[in-house]
């Protein structure tokens, strides 16, 4: 998994060439947060996406609640593109100069890498103003291949990647062992809330972005 330091309009616009297989939908959580989803329906199975939608909205609310001290609105939004490997490869080349797909990319809209205890450089809202936190992009074939390699349900790996991407939007990273441990601990905590087992226990978890 990887993250870029600048938010970007990752998904194709509805009227752009090659968007016939892209389905656009706003998913709204119980707390009023929104996932602006763009889904490549040619590669992402409907049942998988339907289950993921509910899990992702729960995780979005949980993560926004966890970081309430950042003053990000509980009605914040995040852009999500469920793409294919070819589309991910283009983004990875464009933003990271790596000519191959990866599992997830995150593009934070704000610099959240400051003091996670509260004095943030990010969107200092009054708690009521929605803010777009950034973009998360997840590649279908890579996710499915990795889940098979790790002998875990695709749904579990997919929601793990979403949580991982969300934490990148809040400034977390894994560039050293200490930061990685902090990030992984949070991932395990959030995933446990929806009954997903620890993805780092007794598995060969692939590189996360």
N, C-alpha and C. Protein backbone atom coordinates (compact mmCIF):
# COMPACT_ATOMS: atom_id res chain seq x y z
N UNK A 1 0.84 -1.19 0.00
CA UNK A 1 0.00 0.00 0.00
C UNK A 1 0.88 1.24 0.00
N UNK A 2 0.37 2.29 -0.57
CA UNK A 2 1.16 3.50 -0.64
C UNK A 2 0.26 4.71 -0.56
N UNK A 3 0.86 5.85 -0.27
CA UNK A 3 0.07 7.08 -0.29
C UNK A 3 0.86 8.18 -0.94
N UNK A 4 0.13 9.07 -1.58
CA UNK A 4 0.70 10.25 -2.19
C UNK A 4 0.38 11.42 -1.29
N UNK A 5 1.14 12.49 -1.40
CA UNK A 5 0.97 13.60 -0.48
C UNK A 5 -0.04 14.63 -0.95
N UNK A 6 -0.62 14.45 -2.11
CA UNK A 6 -1.58 15.42 -2.61
C UNK A 6 -2.83 14.72 -3.11
N UNK A 7 -3.98 15.26 -2.74
CA UNK A 7 -5.23 14.72 -3.24
C UNK A 7 -5.32 14.95 -4.74
N UNK A 8 -6.06 14.09 -5.40
CA UNK A 8 -6.19 14.20 -6.84
C UNK A 8 -7.55 13.69 -7.26
N UNK A 9 -8.04 14.15 -8.39
CA UNK A 9 -9.27 13.61 -8.95
C UNK A 9 -8.91 12.32 -9.66
N UNK A 10 -8.99 11.21 -8.95
CA UNK A 10 -8.47 9.95 -9.46
C UNK A 10 -9.43 9.26 -10.41
N UNK A 11 -10.71 9.21 -10.08
CA UNK A 11 -11.67 8.49 -10.90
C UNK A 11 -12.06 9.31 -12.12
N UNK A 12 -12.40 8.62 -13.22
CA UNK A 12 -12.83 9.35 -14.42
C UNK A 12 -14.12 10.11 -14.16
N UNK A 13 -14.29 11.23 -14.83
CA UNK A 13 -15.55 11.96 -14.77
C UNK A 13 -16.63 11.16 -15.50
N UNK A 14 -17.90 11.30 -15.08
CA UNK A 14 -18.97 10.50 -15.69
C UNK A 14 -19.06 10.62 -17.20
N UNK A 15 -18.68 11.78 -17.76
CA UNK A 15 -18.81 11.96 -19.20
C UNK A 15 -17.48 11.80 -19.94
N UNK A 16 -16.47 11.25 -19.26
CA UNK A 16 -15.17 11.09 -19.90
C UNK A 16 -15.10 9.77 -20.66
N UNK A 17 -14.18 9.67 -21.64
CA UNK A 17 -14.05 8.42 -22.40
C UNK A 17 -13.68 7.26 -21.49
N UNK A 18 -14.24 6.08 -21.77
CA UNK A 18 -13.88 4.89 -21.03
C UNK A 18 -14.55 4.75 -19.69
N UNK A 19 -15.61 5.56 -19.44
CA UNK A 19 -16.25 5.50 -18.13
C UNK A 19 -17.53 4.69 -18.15
N UNK A 20 -17.83 3.99 -19.25
CA UNK A 20 -19.08 3.26 -19.37
C UNK A 20 -19.23 2.20 -18.29
N UNK A 21 -18.12 1.65 -17.83
CA UNK A 21 -18.17 0.60 -16.82
C UNK A 21 -18.00 1.14 -15.40
N UNK A 22 -18.01 2.46 -15.24
CA UNK A 22 -17.85 3.07 -13.92
C UNK A 22 -19.21 3.46 -13.37
N UNK A 23 -19.53 2.95 -12.18
CA UNK A 23 -20.78 3.29 -11.50
C UNK A 23 -20.45 4.25 -10.37
N UNK A 24 -21.19 5.34 -10.31
CA UNK A 24 -20.95 6.38 -9.31
C UNK A 24 -22.08 6.37 -8.28
N UNK A 25 -21.72 6.40 -7.00
CA UNK A 25 -22.73 6.37 -5.95
C UNK A 25 -22.19 7.03 -4.69
N UNK A 26 -23.03 7.79 -4.01
CA UNK A 26 -22.67 8.35 -2.71
C UNK A 26 -23.22 7.44 -1.61
N UNK A 27 -22.31 6.91 -0.80
CA UNK A 27 -22.70 6.07 0.33
C UNK A 27 -22.68 6.93 1.58
N UNK A 28 -23.78 6.96 2.31
CA UNK A 28 -23.89 7.82 3.49
C UNK A 28 -23.98 6.96 4.74
N UNK A 29 -23.15 7.27 5.73
CA UNK A 29 -23.08 6.49 6.96
C UNK A 29 -24.17 6.90 7.94
N UNK A 30 -24.28 6.14 9.02
CA UNK A 30 -25.27 6.44 10.06
C UNK A 30 -25.03 7.80 10.68
N UNK A 31 -23.77 8.24 10.74
CA UNK A 31 -23.44 9.54 11.34
C UNK A 31 -23.46 10.67 10.32
N UNK A 32 -23.73 10.35 9.07
CA UNK A 32 -23.82 11.39 8.04
C UNK A 32 -22.56 11.62 7.24
N UNK A 33 -21.53 10.80 7.44
CA UNK A 33 -20.33 10.88 6.62
C UNK A 33 -20.61 10.23 5.26
N UNK A 34 -19.80 10.59 4.27
CA UNK A 34 -20.07 10.12 2.91
C UNK A 34 -18.83 9.52 2.26
N UNK A 35 -19.04 8.40 1.59
CA UNK A 35 -18.04 7.83 0.70
C UNK A 35 -18.53 8.07 -0.73
N UNK A 36 -17.78 8.87 -1.47
CA UNK A 36 -18.12 9.15 -2.87
C UNK A 36 -17.48 8.05 -3.71
N UNK A 37 -18.25 7.01 -3.99
CA UNK A 37 -17.71 5.80 -4.60
C UNK A 37 -17.80 5.82 -6.12
N UNK A 38 -16.72 5.39 -6.75
CA UNK A 38 -16.67 5.15 -8.19
C UNK A 38 -16.21 3.71 -8.36
N UNK A 39 -17.02 2.90 -9.02
CA UNK A 39 -16.78 1.45 -9.05
C UNK A 39 -16.69 0.96 -10.48
N UNK A 40 -15.60 0.28 -10.79
CA UNK A 40 -15.47 -0.37 -12.09
C UNK A 40 -16.27 -1.66 -12.04
N UNK A 41 -17.50 -1.61 -12.54
CA UNK A 41 -18.41 -2.74 -12.41
C UNK A 41 -18.02 -3.92 -13.30
N UNK A 42 -17.09 -3.70 -14.21
CA UNK A 42 -16.65 -4.78 -15.09
C UNK A 42 -15.82 -5.80 -14.33
N UNK A 43 -15.18 -5.38 -13.24
CA UNK A 43 -14.26 -6.25 -12.52
C UNK A 43 -14.66 -6.49 -11.07
N UNK A 44 -15.41 -5.55 -10.47
CA UNK A 44 -15.79 -5.69 -9.07
C UNK A 44 -17.17 -6.36 -8.97
N UNK A 45 -17.28 -7.55 -8.34
CA UNK A 45 -18.57 -8.25 -8.23
C UNK A 45 -19.55 -7.48 -7.34
N UNK A 46 -20.80 -7.41 -7.76
CA UNK A 46 -21.82 -6.68 -7.00
C UNK A 46 -21.96 -7.16 -5.56
N UNK A 47 -22.01 -8.49 -5.29
CA UNK A 47 -22.16 -8.93 -3.90
C UNK A 47 -20.99 -8.50 -3.01
N UNK A 48 -19.78 -8.53 -3.56
CA UNK A 48 -18.61 -8.09 -2.79
C UNK A 48 -18.72 -6.61 -2.46
N UNK A 49 -19.10 -5.81 -3.44
CA UNK A 49 -19.21 -4.37 -3.22
C UNK A 49 -20.32 -4.05 -2.23
N UNK A 50 -21.44 -4.77 -2.31
CA UNK A 50 -22.56 -4.52 -1.41
C UNK A 50 -22.16 -4.76 0.05
N UNK A 51 -21.48 -5.87 0.30
CA UNK A 51 -21.03 -6.14 1.66
C UNK A 51 -19.97 -5.16 2.11
N UNK A 52 -19.08 -4.81 1.20
CA UNK A 52 -18.02 -3.85 1.52
C UNK A 52 -18.60 -2.49 1.86
N UNK A 53 -19.65 -2.08 1.16
CA UNK A 53 -20.26 -0.77 1.41
C UNK A 53 -20.66 -0.62 2.88
N UNK A 54 -21.33 -1.61 3.42
CA UNK A 54 -21.77 -1.52 4.81
C UNK A 54 -20.59 -1.50 5.76
N UNK A 55 -19.61 -2.35 5.52
CA UNK A 55 -18.43 -2.40 6.39
C UNK A 55 -17.64 -1.10 6.31
N UNK A 56 -17.49 -0.55 5.11
CA UNK A 56 -16.71 0.67 4.94
C UNK A 56 -17.36 1.85 5.63
N UNK A 57 -18.69 1.94 5.57
CA UNK A 57 -19.38 3.04 6.25
C UNK A 57 -19.23 2.94 7.76
N UNK A 58 -19.28 1.72 8.29
CA UNK A 58 -19.04 1.54 9.72
C UNK A 58 -17.63 1.96 10.09
N UNK A 59 -16.66 1.55 9.29
CA UNK A 59 -15.27 1.91 9.55
C UNK A 59 -15.06 3.42 9.43
N UNK A 60 -15.71 4.05 8.47
CA UNK A 60 -15.58 5.49 8.32
C UNK A 60 -16.06 6.21 9.57
N UNK A 61 -17.21 5.83 10.09
CA UNK A 61 -17.72 6.46 11.31
C UNK A 61 -16.79 6.19 12.49
N UNK A 62 -16.30 4.96 12.61
CA UNK A 62 -15.41 4.62 13.72
C UNK A 62 -14.12 5.43 13.66
N UNK A 63 -13.56 5.58 12.48
CA UNK A 63 -12.30 6.31 12.33
C UNK A 63 -12.49 7.80 12.59
N UNK A 64 -13.58 8.37 12.08
CA UNK A 64 -13.85 9.78 12.34
C UNK A 64 -14.06 10.03 13.83
N UNK A 65 -14.70 9.08 14.51
CA UNK A 65 -14.89 9.21 15.95
C UNK A 65 -13.56 9.11 16.69
N UNK A 66 -12.71 8.20 16.25
CA UNK A 66 -11.39 8.02 16.88
C UNK A 66 -10.57 9.30 16.81
N UNK A 67 -10.67 10.00 15.70
CA UNK A 67 -9.87 11.21 15.50
C UNK A 67 -10.69 12.48 15.65
N UNK A 68 -11.67 12.43 16.55
CA UNK A 68 -12.52 13.60 16.78
C UNK A 68 -11.72 14.80 17.23
N UNK A 69 -10.56 14.55 17.88
CA UNK A 69 -9.74 15.67 18.36
C UNK A 69 -9.08 16.45 17.23
N UNK A 70 -9.14 15.93 16.00
CA UNK A 70 -8.59 16.67 14.86
C UNK A 70 -9.55 17.74 14.37
N UNK A 71 -10.76 17.75 14.89
CA UNK A 71 -11.81 18.70 14.51
C UNK A 71 -12.34 18.47 13.10
N UNK A 72 -12.04 17.32 12.53
CA UNK A 72 -12.67 16.96 11.27
C UNK A 72 -14.13 16.65 11.54
N UNK A 73 -15.00 17.13 10.69
CA UNK A 73 -16.43 16.91 10.87
C UNK A 73 -16.78 15.43 10.84
N UNK A 74 -17.73 15.03 11.66
CA UNK A 74 -18.23 13.65 11.60
C UNK A 74 -19.00 13.42 10.31
N UNK A 75 -19.29 14.49 9.59
CA UNK A 75 -19.95 14.38 8.29
C UNK A 75 -18.95 14.58 7.14
N UNK A 76 -17.70 14.31 7.41
CA UNK A 76 -16.67 14.42 6.38
C UNK A 76 -16.93 13.42 5.26
N UNK A 77 -16.23 13.61 4.16
CA UNK A 77 -16.38 12.69 3.04
C UNK A 77 -15.02 12.22 2.55
N UNK A 78 -15.03 11.09 1.88
CA UNK A 78 -13.82 10.55 1.27
C UNK A 78 -14.19 10.03 -0.11
N UNK A 79 -13.30 10.24 -1.06
CA UNK A 79 -13.51 9.72 -2.41
C UNK A 79 -12.88 8.34 -2.52
N UNK A 80 -13.63 7.39 -3.06
CA UNK A 80 -13.15 6.01 -3.19
C UNK A 80 -13.32 5.55 -4.62
N UNK A 81 -12.24 5.04 -5.21
CA UNK A 81 -12.32 4.46 -6.54
C UNK A 81 -11.93 3.00 -6.47
N UNK A 82 -12.87 2.11 -6.76
CA UNK A 82 -12.59 0.69 -6.88
C UNK A 82 -12.30 0.43 -8.35
N UNK A 83 -11.02 0.34 -8.68
CA UNK A 83 -10.59 0.28 -10.08
C UNK A 83 -10.05 -1.10 -10.42
N UNK A 84 -9.50 -1.24 -11.61
CA UNK A 84 -8.83 -2.48 -11.98
C UNK A 84 -7.31 -2.26 -11.97
N UNK A 85 -6.57 -3.32 -12.20
CA UNK A 85 -5.11 -3.23 -12.12
C UNK A 85 -4.52 -2.29 -13.17
N UNK A 86 -5.12 -2.27 -14.36
CA UNK A 86 -4.59 -1.40 -15.42
C UNK A 86 -4.73 0.06 -15.03
N UNK A 87 -5.87 0.41 -14.45
CA UNK A 87 -6.08 1.79 -14.01
C UNK A 87 -5.15 2.14 -12.85
N UNK A 88 -4.97 1.19 -11.93
CA UNK A 88 -4.07 1.42 -10.81
C UNK A 88 -2.62 1.57 -11.29
N UNK A 89 -2.25 0.78 -12.27
CA UNK A 89 -0.88 0.89 -12.81
C UNK A 89 -0.63 2.29 -13.35
N UNK A 90 -1.60 2.86 -14.05
CA UNK A 90 -1.45 4.22 -14.57
C UNK A 90 -1.26 5.23 -13.45
N UNK A 91 -2.06 5.10 -12.39
CA UNK A 91 -1.94 6.03 -11.26
C UNK A 91 -0.61 5.86 -10.55
N UNK A 92 -0.18 4.61 -10.37
CA UNK A 92 1.08 4.35 -9.68
C UNK A 92 2.26 4.91 -10.47
N UNK A 93 2.18 4.80 -11.79
CA UNK A 93 3.23 5.36 -12.64
C UNK A 93 3.20 6.88 -12.58
N UNK A 94 2.02 7.45 -12.64
CA UNK A 94 1.87 8.91 -12.66
C UNK A 94 2.33 9.56 -11.37
N UNK A 95 1.98 8.96 -10.23
CA UNK A 95 2.23 9.61 -8.95
C UNK A 95 3.45 9.08 -8.20
N UNK A 96 3.90 7.86 -8.53
CA UNK A 96 5.02 7.28 -7.78
C UNK A 96 6.14 6.81 -8.70
N UNK A 97 5.94 6.93 -10.00
CA UNK A 97 6.92 6.49 -10.99
C UNK A 97 7.26 5.00 -10.83
N UNK A 98 6.24 4.22 -10.47
CA UNK A 98 6.37 2.77 -10.36
C UNK A 98 5.44 2.14 -11.39
N UNK A 99 6.02 1.44 -12.35
CA UNK A 99 5.24 0.96 -13.49
C UNK A 99 4.64 -0.42 -13.23
N UNK A 100 3.81 -0.50 -12.22
CA UNK A 100 3.07 -1.73 -11.92
C UNK A 100 1.94 -1.36 -10.97
N UNK A 101 0.90 -2.19 -10.90
CA UNK A 101 -0.19 -1.89 -9.97
C UNK A 101 0.22 -2.16 -8.53
N UNK A 102 -0.48 -1.53 -7.61
CA UNK A 102 -0.35 -1.83 -6.19
C UNK A 102 -1.75 -2.08 -5.65
N UNK A 103 -1.87 -2.45 -4.38
CA UNK A 103 -3.20 -2.78 -3.87
C UNK A 103 -4.04 -1.54 -3.55
N UNK A 104 -3.42 -0.55 -2.92
CA UNK A 104 -4.17 0.65 -2.54
C UNK A 104 -3.26 1.87 -2.62
N UNK A 105 -3.83 2.97 -3.05
CA UNK A 105 -3.17 4.27 -3.01
C UNK A 105 -4.06 5.23 -2.24
N UNK A 106 -3.43 6.10 -1.46
CA UNK A 106 -4.16 7.14 -0.73
C UNK A 106 -3.61 8.50 -1.13
N UNK A 107 -4.51 9.45 -1.29
CA UNK A 107 -4.14 10.82 -1.66
C UNK A 107 -4.77 11.78 -0.66
N UNK A 108 -4.07 12.10 0.43
CA UNK A 108 -4.64 12.99 1.45
C UNK A 108 -4.89 14.40 0.90
N UNK A 109 -6.00 14.98 1.30
CA UNK A 109 -6.31 16.36 0.90
C UNK A 109 -5.63 17.37 1.82
N UNK A 110 -5.19 16.92 2.98
CA UNK A 110 -4.61 17.82 3.98
C UNK A 110 -3.35 17.19 4.55
N UNK A 111 -2.51 18.02 5.13
CA UNK A 111 -1.32 17.54 5.83
C UNK A 111 -1.72 17.14 7.23
N UNK A 112 -1.93 15.84 7.42
CA UNK A 112 -2.34 15.33 8.73
C UNK A 112 -1.17 14.70 9.48
N UNK A 113 0.04 14.88 8.98
CA UNK A 113 1.18 14.19 9.57
C UNK A 113 1.76 14.92 10.77
N UNK A 114 1.06 15.93 11.24
CA UNK A 114 1.54 16.69 12.40
C UNK A 114 1.22 16.00 13.70
N UNK A 115 0.91 16.76 14.68
CA UNK A 115 0.66 16.25 16.03
C UNK A 115 -0.68 15.54 16.08
N UNK A 116 -0.66 14.19 16.12
CA UNK A 116 -1.90 13.44 16.14
C UNK A 116 -2.65 13.59 17.45
N UNK A 117 -2.08 14.31 18.42
CA UNK A 117 -2.77 14.51 19.69
C UNK A 117 -3.77 15.64 19.63
N UNK A 118 -3.79 16.40 18.54
CA UNK A 118 -4.83 17.40 18.45
C UNK A 118 -4.49 18.66 17.70
N UNK A 119 -3.25 19.12 17.73
CA UNK A 119 -2.90 20.38 17.08
C UNK A 119 -2.55 20.09 15.63
N UNK A 120 -3.60 19.91 14.81
CA UNK A 120 -3.42 19.43 13.46
C UNK A 120 -3.23 20.56 12.46
N UNK A 121 -2.53 20.25 11.38
CA UNK A 121 -2.39 21.18 10.27
C UNK A 121 -3.47 20.95 9.23
N UNK A 122 -4.40 20.06 9.53
CA UNK A 122 -5.42 19.67 8.59
C UNK A 122 -6.65 20.55 8.61
N UNK A 123 -7.80 19.98 8.26
CA UNK A 123 -9.02 20.77 8.10
C UNK A 123 -9.60 21.18 9.45
N UNK A 124 -9.27 22.34 9.92
CA UNK A 124 -9.72 22.80 11.23
C UNK A 124 -11.16 23.30 11.13
N UNK A 125 -12.09 22.39 11.06
CA UNK A 125 -13.49 22.77 10.99
C UNK A 125 -14.02 22.98 12.40
N UNK A 126 -15.26 23.45 12.48
CA UNK A 126 -15.86 23.66 13.79
C UNK A 126 -16.60 22.43 14.28
N UNK A 127 -16.38 21.31 13.64
CA UNK A 127 -17.06 20.09 14.02
C UNK A 127 -18.35 19.87 13.26
N UNK A 128 -18.80 20.85 12.49
CA UNK A 128 -20.05 20.73 11.75
C UNK A 128 -19.87 20.86 10.24
N UNK A 129 -18.73 21.36 9.81
CA UNK A 129 -18.51 21.60 8.38
C UNK A 129 -17.90 20.36 7.73
N UNK A 130 -18.58 19.76 6.76
CA UNK A 130 -18.00 18.59 6.10
C UNK A 130 -16.71 18.94 5.39
N UNK A 131 -15.80 17.99 5.32
CA UNK A 131 -14.53 18.21 4.63
C UNK A 131 -14.22 16.96 3.82
N UNK A 132 -13.71 17.16 2.61
CA UNK A 132 -13.24 16.03 1.81
C UNK A 132 -11.84 15.68 2.28
N UNK A 133 -11.68 14.50 2.85
CA UNK A 133 -10.41 14.10 3.44
C UNK A 133 -9.38 13.71 2.40
N UNK A 134 -9.82 13.25 1.24
CA UNK A 134 -8.89 12.81 0.21
C UNK A 134 -9.45 11.65 -0.58
N UNK A 135 -8.57 10.98 -1.29
CA UNK A 135 -8.96 9.90 -2.21
C UNK A 135 -8.29 8.59 -1.80
N UNK A 136 -9.03 7.50 -1.94
CA UNK A 136 -8.51 6.15 -1.77
C UNK A 136 -8.82 5.37 -3.04
N UNK A 137 -7.82 4.67 -3.56
CA UNK A 137 -7.99 3.88 -4.78
C UNK A 137 -7.56 2.44 -4.47
N UNK A 138 -8.39 1.47 -4.84
CA UNK A 138 -8.11 0.06 -4.56
C UNK A 138 -8.27 -0.74 -5.85
N UNK A 139 -7.29 -1.61 -6.13
CA UNK A 139 -7.25 -2.35 -7.39
C UNK A 139 -7.78 -3.77 -7.23
N UNK A 140 -8.74 -4.14 -8.06
CA UNK A 140 -9.46 -5.40 -7.91
C UNK A 140 -8.58 -6.64 -8.01
N UNK A 141 -7.90 -6.80 -9.14
CA UNK A 141 -7.17 -8.05 -9.35
C UNK A 141 -6.08 -8.26 -8.30
N UNK A 142 -5.41 -7.17 -7.91
CA UNK A 142 -4.37 -7.28 -6.90
C UNK A 142 -4.96 -7.70 -5.56
N UNK A 143 -6.09 -7.11 -5.19
CA UNK A 143 -6.75 -7.47 -3.93
C UNK A 143 -7.13 -8.94 -3.93
N UNK A 144 -7.72 -9.39 -5.01
CA UNK A 144 -8.18 -10.79 -5.08
C UNK A 144 -7.00 -11.76 -5.07
N UNK A 145 -5.94 -11.40 -5.77
CA UNK A 145 -4.75 -12.27 -5.80
C UNK A 145 -4.10 -12.34 -4.43
N UNK A 146 -3.97 -11.20 -3.76
CA UNK A 146 -3.35 -11.19 -2.44
C UNK A 146 -4.19 -11.96 -1.43
N UNK A 147 -5.50 -11.81 -1.49
CA UNK A 147 -6.37 -12.54 -0.57
C UNK A 147 -6.21 -14.04 -0.76
N UNK A 148 -6.12 -14.46 -2.00
CA UNK A 148 -5.93 -15.88 -2.29
C UNK A 148 -4.58 -16.35 -1.78
N UNK A 149 -3.54 -15.56 -1.98
CA UNK A 149 -2.20 -15.92 -1.51
C UNK A 149 -2.16 -16.05 0.01
N UNK A 150 -2.90 -15.17 0.69
CA UNK A 150 -2.90 -15.16 2.16
C UNK A 150 -3.98 -16.06 2.75
N UNK A 151 -4.76 -16.70 1.86
CA UNK A 151 -5.83 -17.61 2.28
C UNK A 151 -6.79 -16.92 3.25
N UNK A 152 -7.24 -15.74 2.85
CA UNK A 152 -8.23 -15.01 3.63
C UNK A 152 -9.36 -14.57 2.71
N UNK A 153 -10.54 -14.32 3.27
CA UNK A 153 -11.65 -13.86 2.43
C UNK A 153 -11.30 -12.54 1.74
N UNK A 154 -11.70 -12.41 0.49
CA UNK A 154 -11.46 -11.17 -0.23
C UNK A 154 -12.10 -10.00 0.50
N UNK A 155 -13.28 -10.21 1.06
CA UNK A 155 -13.97 -9.13 1.77
C UNK A 155 -13.15 -8.61 2.94
N UNK A 156 -12.48 -9.52 3.66
CA UNK A 156 -11.65 -9.11 4.81
C UNK A 156 -10.45 -8.29 4.34
N UNK A 157 -9.81 -8.74 3.28
CA UNK A 157 -8.64 -8.02 2.78
C UNK A 157 -9.05 -6.65 2.23
N UNK A 158 -10.18 -6.60 1.56
CA UNK A 158 -10.66 -5.35 0.99
C UNK A 158 -10.94 -4.31 2.07
N UNK A 159 -11.63 -4.70 3.13
CA UNK A 159 -11.94 -3.71 4.17
C UNK A 159 -10.67 -3.32 4.92
N UNK A 160 -9.71 -4.24 5.03
CA UNK A 160 -8.43 -3.89 5.64
C UNK A 160 -7.73 -2.81 4.83
N UNK A 161 -7.74 -2.95 3.52
CA UNK A 161 -7.09 -1.95 2.67
C UNK A 161 -7.78 -0.60 2.79
N UNK A 162 -9.10 -0.61 2.92
CA UNK A 162 -9.83 0.66 3.10
C UNK A 162 -9.43 1.32 4.41
N UNK A 163 -9.39 0.56 5.49
CA UNK A 163 -8.98 1.11 6.79
C UNK A 163 -7.56 1.64 6.71
N UNK A 164 -6.68 0.87 6.08
CA UNK A 164 -5.29 1.30 5.92
C UNK A 164 -5.22 2.62 5.15
N UNK A 165 -5.98 2.70 4.07
CA UNK A 165 -6.01 3.93 3.29
C UNK A 165 -6.55 5.10 4.08
N UNK A 166 -7.59 4.86 4.88
CA UNK A 166 -8.16 5.93 5.71
C UNK A 166 -7.13 6.45 6.71
N UNK A 167 -6.36 5.56 7.30
CA UNK A 167 -5.35 6.00 8.28
C UNK A 167 -4.27 6.83 7.60
N UNK A 168 -3.93 6.51 6.36
CA UNK A 168 -3.01 7.38 5.62
C UNK A 168 -3.59 8.78 5.47
N UNK A 169 -4.89 8.89 5.23
CA UNK A 169 -5.51 10.21 5.09
C UNK A 169 -5.40 11.01 6.37
N UNK A 170 -5.32 10.32 7.50
CA UNK A 170 -5.17 10.99 8.79
C UNK A 170 -3.71 11.13 9.22
N UNK A 171 -2.79 10.92 8.30
CA UNK A 171 -1.39 11.19 8.57
C UNK A 171 -0.56 10.04 9.07
N UNK A 172 -1.17 8.87 9.23
CA UNK A 172 -0.39 7.71 9.67
C UNK A 172 0.44 7.16 8.52
N UNK A 173 1.55 6.52 8.88
CA UNK A 173 2.42 5.93 7.87
C UNK A 173 3.17 4.76 8.48
N UNK A 174 3.95 4.07 7.67
CA UNK A 174 4.69 2.89 8.13
C UNK A 174 6.11 2.93 7.59
N UNK A 175 6.70 4.12 7.63
CA UNK A 175 8.04 4.29 7.08
C UNK A 175 9.13 3.80 8.03
N UNK A 176 8.78 3.54 9.29
CA UNK A 176 9.72 2.89 10.20
C UNK A 176 8.93 1.96 11.11
N UNK A 177 9.63 1.15 11.89
CA UNK A 177 8.98 0.11 12.69
C UNK A 177 8.00 0.69 13.71
N UNK A 178 8.38 1.79 14.35
CA UNK A 178 7.51 2.37 15.37
C UNK A 178 6.21 2.89 14.77
N UNK A 179 6.31 3.61 13.66
CA UNK A 179 5.12 4.13 13.01
C UNK A 179 4.26 3.00 12.47
N UNK A 180 4.91 1.97 11.93
CA UNK A 180 4.17 0.83 11.40
C UNK A 180 3.40 0.12 12.50
N UNK A 181 4.02 -0.04 13.67
CA UNK A 181 3.35 -0.71 14.78
C UNK A 181 2.12 0.07 15.23
N UNK A 182 2.26 1.40 15.30
CA UNK A 182 1.12 2.23 15.69
C UNK A 182 -0.02 2.09 14.69
N UNK A 183 0.32 2.14 13.42
CA UNK A 183 -0.69 2.04 12.37
C UNK A 183 -1.36 0.67 12.38
N UNK A 184 -0.57 -0.38 12.50
CA UNK A 184 -1.12 -1.73 12.50
C UNK A 184 -2.02 -1.96 13.70
N UNK A 185 -1.64 -1.42 14.86
CA UNK A 185 -2.47 -1.56 16.06
C UNK A 185 -3.84 -0.95 15.86
N UNK A 186 -3.88 0.23 15.25
CA UNK A 186 -5.16 0.87 14.96
C UNK A 186 -5.97 0.06 13.95
N UNK A 187 -5.32 -0.46 12.93
CA UNK A 187 -6.03 -1.26 11.94
C UNK A 187 -6.69 -2.47 12.60
N UNK A 188 -5.93 -3.17 13.42
CA UNK A 188 -6.45 -4.36 14.09
C UNK A 188 -7.63 -3.99 14.99
N UNK A 189 -7.51 -2.87 15.68
CA UNK A 189 -8.58 -2.40 16.57
C UNK A 189 -9.86 -2.13 15.80
N UNK A 190 -9.76 -1.38 14.71
CA UNK A 190 -10.96 -1.05 13.94
C UNK A 190 -11.57 -2.30 13.32
N UNK A 191 -10.75 -3.16 12.74
CA UNK A 191 -11.26 -4.36 12.08
C UNK A 191 -11.96 -5.29 13.06
N UNK A 192 -11.45 -5.35 14.28
CA UNK A 192 -12.07 -6.21 15.30
C UNK A 192 -13.50 -5.77 15.59
N UNK A 193 -13.77 -4.48 15.43
CA UNK A 193 -15.12 -3.96 15.70
C UNK A 193 -16.17 -4.54 14.76
N UNK A 194 -15.74 -5.02 13.60
CA UNK A 194 -16.69 -5.63 12.66
C UNK A 194 -16.40 -7.12 12.46
N UNK A 195 -15.64 -7.69 13.39
CA UNK A 195 -15.41 -9.13 13.38
C UNK A 195 -14.40 -9.63 12.38
N UNK A 196 -13.54 -8.75 11.88
CA UNK A 196 -12.49 -9.17 10.94
C UNK A 196 -11.24 -9.53 11.73
N UNK A 197 -10.70 -10.73 11.56
CA UNK A 197 -9.52 -11.15 12.32
C UNK A 197 -8.31 -10.28 12.04
N UNK A 198 -7.38 -10.31 12.97
CA UNK A 198 -6.11 -9.60 12.83
C UNK A 198 -5.41 -10.02 11.53
N UNK A 199 -5.27 -9.12 10.56
CA UNK A 199 -4.67 -9.52 9.28
C UNK A 199 -3.17 -9.75 9.36
N UNK A 200 -2.56 -9.33 10.47
CA UNK A 200 -1.11 -9.48 10.61
C UNK A 200 -0.73 -10.73 11.40
N UNK A 201 -1.71 -11.48 11.87
CA UNK A 201 -1.44 -12.64 12.70
C UNK A 201 -1.46 -13.90 11.85
N UNK A 202 -0.34 -14.61 11.85
CA UNK A 202 -0.23 -15.89 11.14
C UNK A 202 -0.54 -15.76 9.65
N UNK A 203 -0.19 -14.61 9.06
CA UNK A 203 -0.35 -14.44 7.62
C UNK A 203 0.90 -13.81 7.05
N UNK A 204 1.04 -13.93 5.77
CA UNK A 204 2.12 -13.26 5.06
C UNK A 204 1.52 -12.03 4.38
N UNK A 205 1.18 -11.03 5.16
CA UNK A 205 0.53 -9.85 4.61
C UNK A 205 1.44 -9.17 3.61
N UNK A 206 0.92 -8.90 2.42
CA UNK A 206 1.70 -8.23 1.39
C UNK A 206 1.97 -6.79 1.77
N UNK A 207 2.85 -6.16 1.02
CA UNK A 207 3.19 -4.77 1.28
C UNK A 207 1.96 -3.90 1.16
N UNK A 208 1.73 -3.11 2.19
CA UNK A 208 0.58 -2.21 2.20
C UNK A 208 1.05 -0.81 1.90
N UNK A 209 0.20 -0.06 1.20
CA UNK A 209 0.59 1.25 0.72
C UNK A 209 0.48 2.33 1.74
